[in-house]
């Protein structure tokens, strides 16, 4: 049996398919418990090295991904791996970029794009997805 995220753990978003992913703020210490198997870091500059496999999406604070095609590929990979691995998405504060990326994963998982931000705000963080353009990006996301 694979040890996935505890759905009740802080920052864990349960998707309709049953997959779960953890969102978090990199400015805060690593939460207690198991480490990710795979992570996607949504930052304007290269993140520090970690002990697990990770991808970097160049995504400046309060903005959108620098390369949207690459973002689509990496988010699809994160969603696919979340079926059997502990996947984490994180940015500096854990809300804007992370919330937007989680909304995109929700769309990949079958949540209608127009409802994805509300889904993430209801099940992850009520302040997720901070800017109008992040909200628009998620609402128009096509996997």
C-alpha atoms as a PDB file:
ATOM      1  CA  UNK A   1       0.000   0.000   0.000  1.00  0.00           C
ATOM      2  CA  UNK A   2       1.309   3.413  -0.972  1.00  0.00           C
ATOM      3  CA  UNK A   3       1.338   5.987   1.817  1.00  0.00           C
ATOM      4  CA  UNK A   4      -0.346   9.040   0.266  1.00  0.00           C
ATOM      5  CA  UNK A   5      -1.257  12.330   1.948  1.00  0.00           C
ATOM      6  CA  UNK A   6      -3.612  12.243   4.908  1.00  0.00           C
ATOM      7  CA  UNK A   7      -6.703  14.070   3.574  1.00  0.00           C
ATOM      8  CA  UNK A   8      -7.117  15.796   6.956  1.00  0.00           C
ATOM      9  CA  UNK A   9      -3.542  17.138   7.026  1.00  0.00           C
ATOM     10  CA  UNK A  10      -3.023  20.894   6.625  1.00  0.00           C
ATOM     11  CA  UNK A  11      -2.801  22.053   3.016  1.00  0.00           C
ATOM     12  CA  UNK A  12      -4.041  18.803   1.478  1.00  0.00           C
ATOM     13  CA  UNK A  13      -6.584  19.254  -1.304  1.00  0.00           C
ATOM     14  CA  UNK A  14      -8.718  16.224  -2.095  1.00  0.00           C
ATOM     15  CA  UNK A  15      -9.738  16.214  -5.754  1.00  0.00           C
ATOM     16  CA  UNK A  16     -13.042  14.683  -6.920  1.00  0.00           C
ATOM     17  CA  UNK A  17     -11.217  11.631  -8.343  1.00  0.00           C
ATOM     18  CA  UNK A  18      -9.782  10.834  -4.913  1.00  0.00           C
ATOM     19  CA  UNK A  19      -6.303  12.092  -5.759  1.00  0.00           C
ATOM     20  CA  UNK A  20      -4.848  14.392  -3.136  1.00  0.00           C
ATOM     21  CA  UNK A  21      -2.155  17.044  -3.452  1.00  0.00           C
ATOM     22  CA  UNK A  22      -0.587  19.261  -0.837  1.00  0.00           C
ATOM     23  CA  UNK A  23      -0.252  22.980  -1.301  1.00  0.00           C
ATOM     24  CA  UNK A  24       2.067  24.936   0.940  1.00  0.00           C
ATOM     25  CA  UNK A  25       3.996  28.130   1.528  1.00  0.00           C
ATOM     26  CA  UNK A  26       7.751  27.829   1.090  1.00  0.00           C
ATOM     27  CA  UNK A  27       8.229  30.721   3.533  1.00  0.00           C
ATOM     28  CA  UNK A  28       7.012  28.422   6.306  1.00  0.00           C
ATOM     29  CA  UNK A  29       8.877  25.382   7.639  1.00  0.00           C
ATOM     30  CA  UNK A  30       8.291  21.998   6.047  1.00  0.00           C
ATOM     31  CA  UNK A  31       5.250  20.457   7.762  1.00  0.00           C
ATOM     32  CA  UNK A  32       5.715  17.481  10.069  1.00  0.00           C
ATOM     33  CA  UNK A  33       4.977  14.076   8.606  1.00  0.00           C
ATOM     34  CA  UNK A  34       5.908  12.439   5.341  1.00  0.00           C
ATOM     35  CA  UNK A  35       7.873  14.296   2.703  1.00  0.00           C
ATOM     36  CA  UNK A  36       6.663  14.675  -0.875  1.00  0.00           C
ATOM     37  CA  UNK A  37       7.664  12.156  -3.515  1.00  0.00           C
ATOM     38  CA  UNK A  38       7.343  14.856  -6.168  1.00  0.00           C
ATOM     39  CA  UNK A  39       6.921  18.628  -6.012  1.00  0.00           C
ATOM     40  CA  UNK A  40       6.249  21.542  -8.321  1.00  0.00           C
ATOM     41  CA  UNK A  41       7.715  24.877  -7.211  1.00  0.00           C
ATOM     42  CA  UNK A  42       6.045  27.965  -8.629  1.00  0.00           C
ATOM     43  CA  UNK A  43       8.661  30.684  -8.227  1.00  0.00           C
ATOM     44  CA  UNK A  44      10.233  33.567 -10.106  1.00  0.00           C
ATOM     45  CA  UNK A  45      13.712  32.168  -9.460  1.00  0.00           C
ATOM     46  CA  UNK A  46      15.124  28.668  -9.182  1.00  0.00           C
ATOM     47  CA  UNK A  47      14.190  27.011  -5.872  1.00  0.00           C
ATOM     48  CA  UNK A  48      16.751  25.481  -3.528  1.00  0.00           C
ATOM     49  CA  UNK A  49      17.556  21.800  -3.921  1.00  0.00           C
ATOM     50  CA  UNK A  50      15.311  19.321  -2.109  1.00  0.00           C
ATOM     51  CA  UNK A  51      15.682  15.634  -1.255  1.00  0.00           C
ATOM     52  CA  UNK A  52      12.771  14.601  -3.521  1.00  0.00           C
ATOM     53  CA  UNK A  53      12.148  14.910  -7.239  1.00  0.00           C
ATOM     54  CA  UNK A  54      10.868  18.328  -8.234  1.00  0.00           C
ATOM     55  CA  UNK A  55      10.101  20.600 -11.158  1.00  0.00           C
ATOM     56  CA  UNK A  56      10.443  24.353 -11.262  1.00  0.00           C
ATOM     57  CA  UNK A  57       7.829  26.415 -13.057  1.00  0.00           C
ATOM     58  CA  UNK A  58       9.063  29.961 -13.537  1.00  0.00           C
ATOM     59  CA  UNK A  59       6.086  31.847 -12.177  1.00  0.00           C
ATOM     60  CA  UNK A  60       6.767  35.308 -10.698  1.00  0.00           C
ATOM     61  CA  UNK A  61       4.793  36.382  -7.616  1.00  0.00           C
ATOM     62  CA  UNK A  62       1.285  37.728  -8.381  1.00  0.00           C
ATOM     63  CA  UNK A  63       1.713  36.791 -12.058  1.00  0.00           C
ATOM     64  CA  UNK A  64       1.104  33.856 -14.385  1.00  0.00           C
ATOM     65  CA  UNK A  65       3.467  31.112 -15.585  1.00  0.00           C
ATOM     66  CA  UNK A  66       6.213  32.414 -17.860  1.00  0.00           C
ATOM     67  CA  UNK A  67       5.758  29.469 -20.268  1.00  0.00           C
ATOM     68  CA  UNK A  68       2.148  28.328 -20.350  1.00  0.00           C
ATOM     69  CA  UNK A  69       2.787  25.242 -22.493  1.00  0.00           C
ATOM     70  CA  UNK A  70       5.457  24.069 -20.058  1.00  0.00           C
ATOM     71  CA  UNK A  71       3.100  24.819 -17.147  1.00  0.00           C
ATOM     72  CA  UNK A  72       0.391  22.672 -18.765  1.00  0.00           C
ATOM     73  CA  UNK A  73       2.861  19.758 -19.132  1.00  0.00           C
ATOM     74  CA  UNK A  74       4.154  20.013 -15.565  1.00  0.00           C
ATOM     75  CA  UNK A  75       0.684  20.341 -14.042  1.00  0.00           C
ATOM     76  CA  UNK A  76      -0.510  17.317 -16.038  1.00  0.00           C
ATOM     77  CA  UNK A  77       2.495  15.366 -14.721  1.00  0.00           C
ATOM     78  CA  UNK A  78       1.687  16.431 -11.146  1.00  0.00           C
ATOM     79  CA  UNK A  79      -1.937  15.324 -11.539  1.00  0.00           C
ATOM     80  CA  UNK A  80      -0.929  11.966 -13.034  1.00  0.00           C
ATOM     81  CA  UNK A  81       1.637  11.296 -10.311  1.00  0.00           C
ATOM     82  CA  UNK A  82      -0.812  12.256  -7.534  1.00  0.00           C
ATOM     83  CA  UNK A  83      -2.660   8.994  -8.169  1.00  0.00           C
ATOM     84  CA  UNK A  84       0.238   6.990  -6.688  1.00  0.00           C
ATOM     85  CA  UNK A  85       2.631   9.509  -5.103  1.00  0.00           C
ATOM     86  CA  UNK A  86       2.651  12.336  -2.559  1.00  0.00           C
ATOM     87  CA  UNK A  87       2.643  15.451  -4.749  1.00  0.00           C
ATOM     88  CA  UNK A  88       3.139  18.958  -3.430  1.00  0.00           C
ATOM     89  CA  UNK A  89       2.698  22.341  -5.129  1.00  0.00           C
ATOM     90  CA  UNK A  90       4.233  25.365  -3.450  1.00  0.00           C
ATOM     91  CA  UNK A  91       5.072  29.024  -3.886  1.00  0.00           C
ATOM     92  CA  UNK A  92       6.291  31.656  -1.460  1.00  0.00           C
ATOM     93  CA  UNK A  93       3.011  32.298   0.340  1.00  0.00           C
ATOM     94  CA  UNK A  94       1.067  29.188  -0.672  1.00  0.00           C
ATOM     95  CA  UNK A  95      -2.003  31.071  -1.883  1.00  0.00           C
ATOM     96  CA  UNK A  96      -1.811  32.917  -5.222  1.00  0.00           C
ATOM     97  CA  UNK A  97       0.335  30.799  -7.506  1.00  0.00           C
ATOM     98  CA  UNK A  98      -0.264  27.606  -5.524  1.00  0.00           C
ATOM     99  CA  UNK A  99      -4.027  28.195  -5.470  1.00  0.00           C
ATOM    100  CA  UNK A 100      -4.042  28.907  -9.190  1.00  0.00           C
ATOM    101  CA  UNK A 101      -2.067  25.734  -9.950  1.00  0.00           C
ATOM    102  CA  UNK A 102      -4.367  23.709  -7.674  1.00  0.00           C
ATOM    103  CA  UNK A 103      -7.365  25.133  -9.542  1.00  0.00           C
ATOM    104  CA  UNK A 104      -5.770  23.952 -12.789  1.00  0.00           C
ATOM    105  CA  UNK A 105      -5.315  20.463 -11.294  1.00  0.00           C
ATOM    106  CA  UNK A 106      -8.984  20.527 -10.304  1.00  0.00           C
ATOM    107  CA  UNK A 107      -9.889  21.275 -13.939  1.00  0.00           C
ATOM    108  CA  UNK A 108      -7.701  18.388 -15.124  1.00  0.00           C
ATOM    109  CA  UNK A 109      -9.524  16.239 -12.555  1.00  0.00           C
ATOM    110  CA  UNK A 110     -12.920  17.139 -13.988  1.00  0.00           C
ATOM    111  CA  UNK A 111     -14.057  20.242 -12.088  1.00  0.00           C
ATOM    112  CA  UNK A 112     -15.578  22.687 -14.614  1.00  0.00           C
ATOM    113  CA  UNK A 113     -13.057  25.487 -15.218  1.00  0.00           C
ATOM    114  CA  UNK A 114     -15.600  28.159 -14.248  1.00  0.00           C
ATOM    115  CA  UNK A 115     -15.939  26.471 -10.813  1.00  0.00           C
ATOM    116  CA  UNK A 116     -12.290  25.599 -10.159  1.00  0.00           C
ATOM    117  CA  UNK A 117     -11.353  28.691  -8.116  1.00  0.00           C
ATOM    118  CA  UNK A 118     -14.424  28.280  -5.897  1.00  0.00           C
ATOM    119  CA  UNK A 119     -13.549  24.599  -5.439  1.00  0.00           C
ATOM    120  CA  UNK A 120     -10.010  25.408  -4.312  1.00  0.00           C
ATOM    121  CA  UNK A 121     -11.203  28.211  -2.033  1.00  0.00           C
ATOM    122  CA  UNK A 122     -13.739  25.861  -0.431  1.00  0.00           C
ATOM    123  CA  UNK A 123     -11.400  22.878  -0.017  1.00  0.00           C
ATOM    124  CA  UNK A 124      -7.887  24.358   0.307  1.00  0.00           C
ATOM    125  CA  UNK A 125      -7.729  28.042   1.337  1.00  0.00           C
ATOM    126  CA  UNK A 126     -10.458  30.669   1.163  1.00  0.00           C
ATOM    127  CA  UNK A 127      -7.839  33.232   0.064  1.00  0.00           C
ATOM    128  CA  UNK A 128      -6.401  31.083  -2.733  1.00  0.00           C
ATOM    129  CA  UNK A 129      -5.954  32.627  -6.196  1.00  0.00           C
ATOM    130  CA  UNK A 130      -5.087  36.226  -5.416  1.00  0.00           C
ATOM    131  CA  UNK A 131      -5.276  38.295  -8.591  1.00  0.00           C
ATOM    132  CA  UNK A 132      -7.937  38.824 -11.264  1.00  0.00           C
ATOM    133  CA  UNK A 133      -5.596  37.433 -13.948  1.00  0.00           C
ATOM    134  CA  UNK A 134      -4.868  34.313 -11.873  1.00  0.00           C
ATOM    135  CA  UNK A 135      -8.621  33.792 -11.475  1.00  0.00           C
ATOM    136  CA  UNK A 136      -9.147  34.305 -15.220  1.00  0.00           C
ATOM    137  CA  UNK A 137      -6.276  31.914 -16.051  1.00  0.00           C
ATOM    138  CA  UNK A 138      -7.851  29.164 -13.931  1.00  0.00           C
ATOM    139  CA  UNK A 139     -11.376  29.871 -15.233  1.00  0.00           C
ATOM    140  CA  UNK A 140     -10.180  29.469 -18.830  1.00  0.00           C
ATOM    141  CA  UNK A 141      -7.746  26.612 -18.201  1.00  0.00           C
ATOM    142  CA  UNK A 142      -8.021  23.809 -20.734  1.00  0.00           C
ATOM    143  CA  UNK A 143      -6.041  20.671 -19.890  1.00  0.00           C
END
